[in-house]
Structure formats: C-alpha cells, structure tokens
Amino acid sequence: MLMKSGEEPATLIYGPNGFRMVQPGRFVLCAVSGEAIDLEELRYWSVERQEAYASAAIATARLSGQA
C-alpha cells in the first residue's frame, strides 16, 4: 500500500464481530510488525488487547506470547 504524505492511520475500536472507526483513516498499523494494513484488508485483531495484526501467523504468535 502506498501512503500519501500526511495520511494518518485510523483509530479503531475492535469488537468480536468487527470494528468501529473512532478517527478516520485508510489504514491501521500492525501491533507487532508496524506494517500498514489497509482497512479493506484488515482481518486479524485482538478485542482484549485492542490491536491489529497483519497476518494470521503474526496474530497467532502474538496471542500465544511468542511475539
């Protein structure tokens, strides 16, 4: 994903079945890798930690304490 200069990440509240946007943006940052995740591609997050993850492998590692 190419980010435009000055583009800010969205702020989301993560729920068990989706997320709610608090501050507008087109992407969020992966809590582990720092990778920008386009909101249309966001599939993995933790409700308890309120964090987004770039992939299933990263989410699994983080939630099992390995990342």
PDB file of N, CA and C in Angstrom:
ATOM      1  N   MET A   1       0.840  -1.178   0.000  1.00  0.00           N
ATOM      2  CA  MET A   1       0.000   0.000   0.000  1.00  0.00           C
ATOM      3  C   MET A   1       0.879   1.233   0.000  1.00  0.00           C
ATOM      4  N   LEU A   2       0.611   2.156  -0.856  1.00  0.00           N
ATOM      5  CA  LEU A   2       1.333   3.413  -0.887  1.00  0.00           C
ATOM      6  C   LEU A   2       0.600   4.434  -0.047  1.00  0.00           C
ATOM      7  N   MET A   3       1.324   5.075   0.844  1.00  0.00           N
ATOM      8  CA  MET A   3       0.715   6.087   1.685  1.00  0.00           C
ATOM      9  C   MET A   3       1.059   7.467   1.163  1.00  0.00           C
ATOM     10  N   LYS A   4       0.072   8.321   1.137  1.00  0.00           N
ATOM     11  CA  LYS A   4       0.294   9.695   0.741  1.00  0.00           C
ATOM     12  C   LYS A   4       0.925  10.453   1.894  1.00  0.00           C
ATOM     13  N   SER A   5       1.692  11.436   1.589  1.00  0.00           N
ATOM     14  CA  SER A   5       2.302  12.276   2.588  1.00  0.00           C
ATOM     15  C   SER A   5       1.210  12.908   3.454  1.00  0.00           C
ATOM     16  N   GLY A   6       1.367  12.819   4.770  1.00  0.00           N
ATOM     17  CA  GLY A   6       0.400  13.410   5.678  1.00  0.00           C
ATOM     18  C   GLY A   6      -0.788  12.527   5.997  1.00  0.00           C
ATOM     19  N   GLU A   7      -0.885  11.365   5.380  1.00  0.00           N
ATOM     20  CA  GLU A   7      -2.001  10.466   5.655  1.00  0.00           C
ATOM     21  C   GLU A   7      -1.811   9.830   7.029  1.00  0.00           C
ATOM     22  N   GLU A   8      -2.840   9.891   7.847  1.00  0.00           N
ATOM     23  CA  GLU A   8      -2.773   9.377   9.205  1.00  0.00           C
ATOM     24  C   GLU A   8      -3.518   8.041   9.311  1.00  0.00           C
ATOM     25  N   PRO A   9      -3.080   7.171  10.221  1.00  0.00           N
ATOM     26  CA  PRO A   9      -3.800   5.909  10.418  1.00  0.00           C
ATOM     27  C   PRO A   9      -5.146   6.142  11.094  1.00  0.00           C
ATOM     28  N   ALA A  10      -6.067   5.232  10.863  1.00  0.00           N
ATOM     29  CA  ALA A  10      -7.369   5.275  11.523  1.00  0.00           C
ATOM     30  C   ALA A  10      -7.195   4.834  12.973  1.00  0.00           C
ATOM     31  N   THR A  11      -8.100   5.266  13.815  1.00  0.00           N
ATOM     32  CA  THR A  11      -8.194   4.768  15.177  1.00  0.00           C
ATOM     33  C   THR A  11      -9.473   3.955  15.245  1.00  0.00           C
ATOM     34  N   LEU A  12      -9.333   2.707  15.669  1.00  0.00           N
ATOM     35  CA  LEU A  12     -10.470   1.785  15.689  1.00  0.00           C
ATOM     36  C   LEU A  12     -10.722   1.239  17.078  1.00  0.00           C
ATOM     37  N   ILE A  13     -11.952   0.844  17.328  1.00  0.00           N
ATOM     38  CA  ILE A  13     -12.308   0.042  18.497  1.00  0.00           C
ATOM     39  C   ILE A  13     -12.664  -1.327  17.940  1.00  0.00           C
ATOM     40  N   TYR A  14     -11.932  -2.352  18.394  1.00  0.00           N
ATOM     41  CA  TYR A  14     -12.097  -3.701  17.869  1.00  0.00           C
ATOM     42  C   TYR A  14     -13.116  -4.466  18.703  1.00  0.00           C
ATOM     43  N   GLY A  15     -14.077  -5.076  18.042  1.00  0.00           N
ATOM     44  CA  GLY A  15     -15.084  -5.897  18.692  1.00  0.00           C
ATOM     45  C   GLY A  15     -14.986  -7.326  18.190  1.00  0.00           C
ATOM     46  N   PRO A  16     -15.796  -8.226  18.750  1.00  0.00           N
ATOM     47  CA  PRO A  16     -15.714  -9.635  18.368  1.00  0.00           C
ATOM     48  C   PRO A  16     -16.160  -9.911  16.932  1.00  0.00           C
ATOM     49  N   ASN A  17     -16.982  -9.041  16.359  1.00  0.00           N
ATOM     50  CA  ASN A  17     -17.500  -9.285  15.014  1.00  0.00           C
ATOM     51  C   ASN A  17     -17.139  -8.200  14.014  1.00  0.00           C
ATOM     52  N   GLY A  18     -16.313  -7.270  14.417  1.00  0.00           N
ATOM     53  CA  GLY A  18     -15.944  -6.177  13.528  1.00  0.00           C
ATOM     54  C   GLY A  18     -15.270  -5.066  14.314  1.00  0.00           C
ATOM     55  N   PHE A  19     -15.153  -3.929  13.685  1.00  0.00           N
ATOM     56  CA  PHE A  19     -14.522  -2.795  14.350  1.00  0.00           C
ATOM     57  C   PHE A  19     -15.302  -1.524  14.040  1.00  0.00           C
ATOM     58  N   ARG A  20     -15.121  -0.543  14.911  1.00  0.00           N
ATOM     59  CA  ARG A  20     -15.770   0.749  14.748  1.00  0.00           C
ATOM     60  C   ARG A  20     -14.702   1.824  14.624  1.00  0.00           C
ATOM     61  N   MET A  21     -14.865   2.713  13.668  1.00  0.00           N
ATOM     62  CA  MET A  21     -13.883   3.761  13.435  1.00  0.00           C
ATOM     63  C   MET A  21     -14.145   4.934  14.383  1.00  0.00           C
ATOM     64  N   VAL A  22     -13.109   5.322  15.120  1.00  0.00           N
ATOM     65  CA  VAL A  22     -13.183   6.455  16.028  1.00  0.00           C
ATOM     66  C   VAL A  22     -12.585   7.686  15.364  1.00  0.00           C
ATOM     67  N   GLN A  23     -11.471   7.472  14.664  1.00  0.00           N
ATOM     68  CA  GLN A  23     -10.822   8.550  13.913  1.00  0.00           C
ATOM     69  C   GLN A  23     -10.601   8.049  12.490  1.00  0.00           C
ATOM     70  N   PRO A  24     -11.072   8.794  11.501  1.00  0.00           N
ATOM     71  CA  PRO A  24     -10.964   8.344  10.109  1.00  0.00           C
ATOM     72  C   PRO A  24      -9.530   8.148   9.635  1.00  0.00           C
ATOM     73  N   GLY A  25      -9.371   7.216   8.747  1.00  0.00           N
ATOM     74  CA  GLY A  25      -8.106   6.908   8.110  1.00  0.00           C
ATOM     75  C   GLY A  25      -8.313   5.755   7.158  1.00  0.00           C
ATOM     76  N   ARG A  26      -7.304   5.454   6.357  1.00  0.00           N
ATOM     77  CA  ARG A  26      -7.434   4.358   5.385  1.00  0.00           C
ATOM     78  C   ARG A  26      -6.720   3.095   5.832  1.00  0.00           C
ATOM     79  N   PHE A  27      -5.934   3.183   6.911  1.00  0.00           N
ATOM     80  CA  PHE A  27      -5.146   2.033   7.341  1.00  0.00           C
ATOM     81  C   PHE A  27      -4.945   2.067   8.848  1.00  0.00           C
ATOM     82  N   VAL A  28      -4.490   0.938   9.394  1.00  0.00           N
ATOM     83  CA  VAL A  28      -4.018   0.841  10.772  1.00  0.00           C
ATOM     84  C   VAL A  28      -2.641   0.203  10.715  1.00  0.00           C
ATOM     85  N   LEU A  29      -1.921   0.265  11.809  1.00  0.00           N
ATOM     86  CA  LEU A  29      -0.590  -0.335  11.869  1.00  0.00           C
ATOM     87  C   LEU A  29      -0.642  -1.646  12.634  1.00  0.00           C
ATOM     88  N   CYS A  30       0.062  -2.652  12.126  1.00  0.00           N
ATOM     89  CA  CYS A  30       0.184  -3.935  12.815  1.00  0.00           C
ATOM     90  C   CYS A  30       0.904  -3.702  14.139  1.00  0.00           C
ATOM     91  N   ALA A  31       0.350  -4.238  15.220  1.00  0.00           N
ATOM     92  CA  ALA A  31       0.919  -4.048  16.550  1.00  0.00           C
ATOM     93  C   ALA A  31       2.279  -4.719  16.709  1.00  0.00           C
ATOM     94  N   VAL A  32       2.590  -5.704  15.886  1.00  0.00           N
ATOM     95  CA  VAL A  32       3.848  -6.428  16.001  1.00  0.00           C
ATOM     96  C   VAL A  32       4.877  -5.935  14.990  1.00  0.00           C
ATOM     97  N   SER A  33       4.496  -5.885  13.723  1.00  0.00           N
ATOM     98  CA  SER A  33       5.460  -5.559  12.668  1.00  0.00           C
ATOM     99  C   SER A  33       5.514  -4.083  12.308  1.00  0.00           C
ATOM    100  N   GLY A  34       4.478  -3.331  12.656  1.00  0.00           N
ATOM    101  CA  GLY A  34       4.411  -1.926  12.276  1.00  0.00           C
ATOM    102  C   GLY A  34       3.973  -1.711  10.838  1.00  0.00           C
ATOM    103  N   GLU A  35       3.662  -2.794  10.136  1.00  0.00           N
ATOM    104  CA  GLU A  35       3.218  -2.729   8.741  1.00  0.00           C
ATOM    105  C   GLU A  35       1.862  -2.041   8.636  1.00  0.00           C
ATOM    106  N   ALA A  36       1.694  -1.202   7.629  1.00  0.00           N
ATOM    107  CA  ALA A  36       0.407  -0.561   7.370  1.00  0.00           C
ATOM    108  C   ALA A  36      -0.555  -1.594   6.789  1.00  0.00           C
ATOM    109  N   ILE A  37      -1.762  -1.659   7.352  1.00  0.00           N
ATOM    110  CA  ILE A  37      -2.791  -2.592   6.898  1.00  0.00           C
ATOM    111  C   ILE A  37      -3.979  -1.765   6.413  1.00  0.00           C
ATOM    112  N   ASP A  38      -4.276  -1.838   5.131  1.00  0.00           N
ATOM    113  CA  ASP A  38      -5.432  -1.142   4.586  1.00  0.00           C
ATOM    114  C   ASP A  38      -6.686  -1.677   5.267  1.00  0.00           C
ATOM    115  N   LEU A  39      -7.616  -0.816   5.624  1.00  0.00           N
ATOM    116  CA  LEU A  39      -8.814  -1.259   6.337  1.00  0.00           C
ATOM    117  C   LEU A  39      -9.594  -2.314   5.563  1.00  0.00           C
ATOM    118  N   GLU A  40      -9.549  -2.255   4.238  1.00  0.00           N
ATOM    119  CA  GLU A  40     -10.240  -3.263   3.432  1.00  0.00           C
ATOM    120  C   GLU A  40      -9.581  -4.634   3.549  1.00  0.00           C
ATOM    121  N   GLU A  41      -8.326  -4.667   3.975  1.00  0.00           N
ATOM    122  CA  GLU A  41      -7.581  -5.926   4.110  1.00  0.00           C
ATOM    123  C   GLU A  41      -7.469  -6.406   5.556  1.00  0.00           C
ATOM    124  N   LEU A  42      -7.963  -5.632   6.514  1.00  0.00           N
ATOM    125  CA  LEU A  42      -7.843  -5.969   7.932  1.00  0.00           C
ATOM    126  C   LEU A  42      -8.727  -7.164   8.276  1.00  0.00           C
ATOM    127  N   ARG A  43      -8.097  -8.253   8.721  1.00  0.00           N
ATOM    128  CA  ARG A  43      -8.827  -9.481   9.050  1.00  0.00           C
ATOM    129  C   ARG A  43      -8.521  -9.996  10.461  1.00  0.00           C
ATOM    130  N   TYR A  44      -7.419  -9.553  11.052  1.00  0.00           N
ATOM    131  CA  TYR A  44      -6.965 -10.133  12.321  1.00  0.00           C
ATOM    132  C   TYR A  44      -6.749  -9.038  13.354  1.00  0.00           C
ATOM    133  N   TRP A  45      -7.376  -9.221  14.531  1.00  0.00           N
ATOM    134  CA  TRP A  45      -7.188  -8.282  15.635  1.00  0.00           C
ATOM    135  C   TRP A  45      -7.523  -8.980  16.940  1.00  0.00           C
ATOM    136  N   SER A  46      -7.153  -8.327  18.036  1.00  0.00           N
ATOM    137  CA  SER A  46      -7.464  -8.826  19.371  1.00  0.00           C
ATOM    138  C   SER A  46      -8.414  -7.841  20.042  1.00  0.00           C
ATOM    139  N   VAL A  47      -9.566  -8.331  20.470  1.00  0.00           N
ATOM    140  CA  VAL A  47     -10.522  -7.498  21.185  1.00  0.00           C
ATOM    141  C   VAL A  47      -9.943  -7.129  22.549  1.00  0.00           C
ATOM    142  N   GLU A  48      -9.341  -8.100  23.237  1.00  0.00           N
ATOM    143  CA  GLU A  48      -8.800  -7.870  24.575  1.00  0.00           C
ATOM    144  C   GLU A  48      -7.655  -6.859  24.570  1.00  0.00           C
ATOM    145  N   ARG A  49      -6.755  -6.995  23.614  1.00  0.00           N
ATOM    146  CA  ARG A  49      -5.585  -6.102  23.536  1.00  0.00           C
ATOM    147  C   ARG A  49      -5.841  -4.851  22.708  1.00  0.00           C
ATOM    148  N   GLN A  50      -6.938  -4.851  21.941  1.00  0.00           N
ATOM    149  CA  GLN A  50      -7.263  -3.736  21.043  1.00  0.00           C
ATOM    150  C   GLN A  50      -6.103  -3.455  20.097  1.00  0.00           C
ATOM    151  N   GLU A  51      -5.633  -4.530  19.432  1.00  0.00           N
ATOM    152  CA  GLU A  51      -4.511  -4.456  18.497  1.00  0.00           C
ATOM    153  C   GLU A  51      -4.890  -5.110  17.172  1.00  0.00           C
ATOM    154  N   ALA A  52      -4.307  -4.594  16.093  1.00  0.00           N
ATOM    155  CA  ALA A  52      -4.477  -5.176  14.764  1.00  0.00           C
ATOM    156  C   ALA A  52      -3.224  -5.956  14.384  1.00  0.00           C
ATOM    157  N   TYR A  53      -3.392  -6.988  13.548  1.00  0.00           N
ATOM    158  CA  TYR A  53      -2.275  -7.814  13.102  1.00  0.00           C
ATOM    159  C   TYR A  53      -2.330  -7.970  11.580  1.00  0.00           C
ATOM    160  N   ALA A  54      -1.168  -7.994  10.961  1.00  0.00           N
ATOM    161  CA  ALA A  54      -1.071  -8.044   9.503  1.00  0.00           C
ATOM    162  C   ALA A  54      -1.382  -9.421   8.923  1.00  0.00           C
ATOM    163  N   SER A  55      -1.246 -10.484   9.719  1.00  0.00           N
ATOM    164  CA  SER A  55      -1.492 -11.828   9.193  1.00  0.00           C
ATOM    165  C   SER A  55      -1.929 -12.761  10.320  1.00  0.00           C
ATOM    166  N   ALA A  56      -2.447 -13.918   9.924  1.00  0.00           N
ATOM    167  CA  ALA A  56      -2.846 -14.933  10.903  1.00  0.00           C
ATOM    168  C   ALA A  56      -1.638 -15.427  11.691  1.00  0.00           C
ATOM    169  N   ALA A  57      -0.501 -15.591  11.011  1.00  0.00           N
ATOM    170  CA  ALA A  57       0.710 -16.068  11.689  1.00  0.00           C
ATOM    171  C   ALA A  57       1.176 -15.069  12.748  1.00  0.00           C
ATOM    172  N   ILE A  58       1.128 -13.794  12.433  1.00  0.00           N
ATOM    173  CA  ILE A  58       1.534 -12.765  13.400  1.00  0.00           C
ATOM    174  C   ILE A  58       0.557 -12.736  14.576  1.00  0.00           C
ATOM    175  N   ALA A  59      -0.740 -12.816  14.296  1.00  0.00           N
ATOM    176  CA  ALA A  59      -1.750 -12.823  15.360  1.00  0.00           C
ATOM    177  C   ALA A  59      -1.548 -14.024  16.282  1.00  0.00           C
ATOM    178  N   THR A  60      -1.329 -15.198  15.702  1.00  0.00           N
ATOM    179  CA  THR A  60      -1.127 -16.411  16.496  1.00  0.00           C
ATOM    180  C   THR A  60       0.115 -16.287  17.381  1.00  0.00           C
ATOM    181  N   ALA A  61       1.209 -15.804  16.797  1.00  0.00           N
ATOM    182  CA  ALA A  61       2.441 -15.638  17.577  1.00  0.00           C
ATOM    183  C   ALA A  61       2.239 -14.647  18.713  1.00  0.00           C
ATOM    184  N   ARG A  62       1.576 -13.536  18.456  1.00  0.00           N
ATOM    185  CA  ARG A  62       1.360 -12.517  19.475  1.00  0.00           C
ATOM    186  C   ARG A  62       0.476 -13.043  20.599  1.00  0.00           C
ATOM    187  N   LEU A  63      -0.619 -13.693  20.232  1.00  0.00           N
ATOM    188  CA  LEU A  63      -1.565 -14.151  21.236  1.00  0.00           C
ATOM    189  C   LEU A  63      -1.078 -15.372  22.022  1.00  0.00           C
ATOM    190  N   SER A  64      -0.072 -16.066  21.480  1.00  0.00           N
ATOM    191  CA  SER A  64       0.500 -17.192  22.218  1.00  0.00           C
ATOM    192  C   SER A  64       1.750 -16.770  22.993  1.00  0.00           C
ATOM    193  N   GLY A  65       2.075 -15.475  22.956  1.00  0.00           N
ATOM    194  CA  GLY A  65       3.201 -14.946  23.707  1.00  0.00           C
ATOM    195  C   GLY A  65       4.542 -15.088  23.028  1.00  0.00           C
ATOM    196  N   GLN A  66       4.561 -15.410  21.745  1.00  0.00           N
ATOM    197  CA  GLN A  66       5.817 -15.610  21.019  1.00  0.00           C
ATOM    198  C   GLN A  66       6.253 -14.383  20.227  1.00  0.00           C
ATOM    199  N   ALA A  67       5.460 -13.327  20.262  1.00  0.00           N
ATOM    200  CA  ALA A  67       5.826 -12.103  19.540  1.00  0.00           C
ATOM    201  C   ALA A  67       5.609 -10.898  20.416  1.00  0.00           C
TER     202      ALA A  67
END
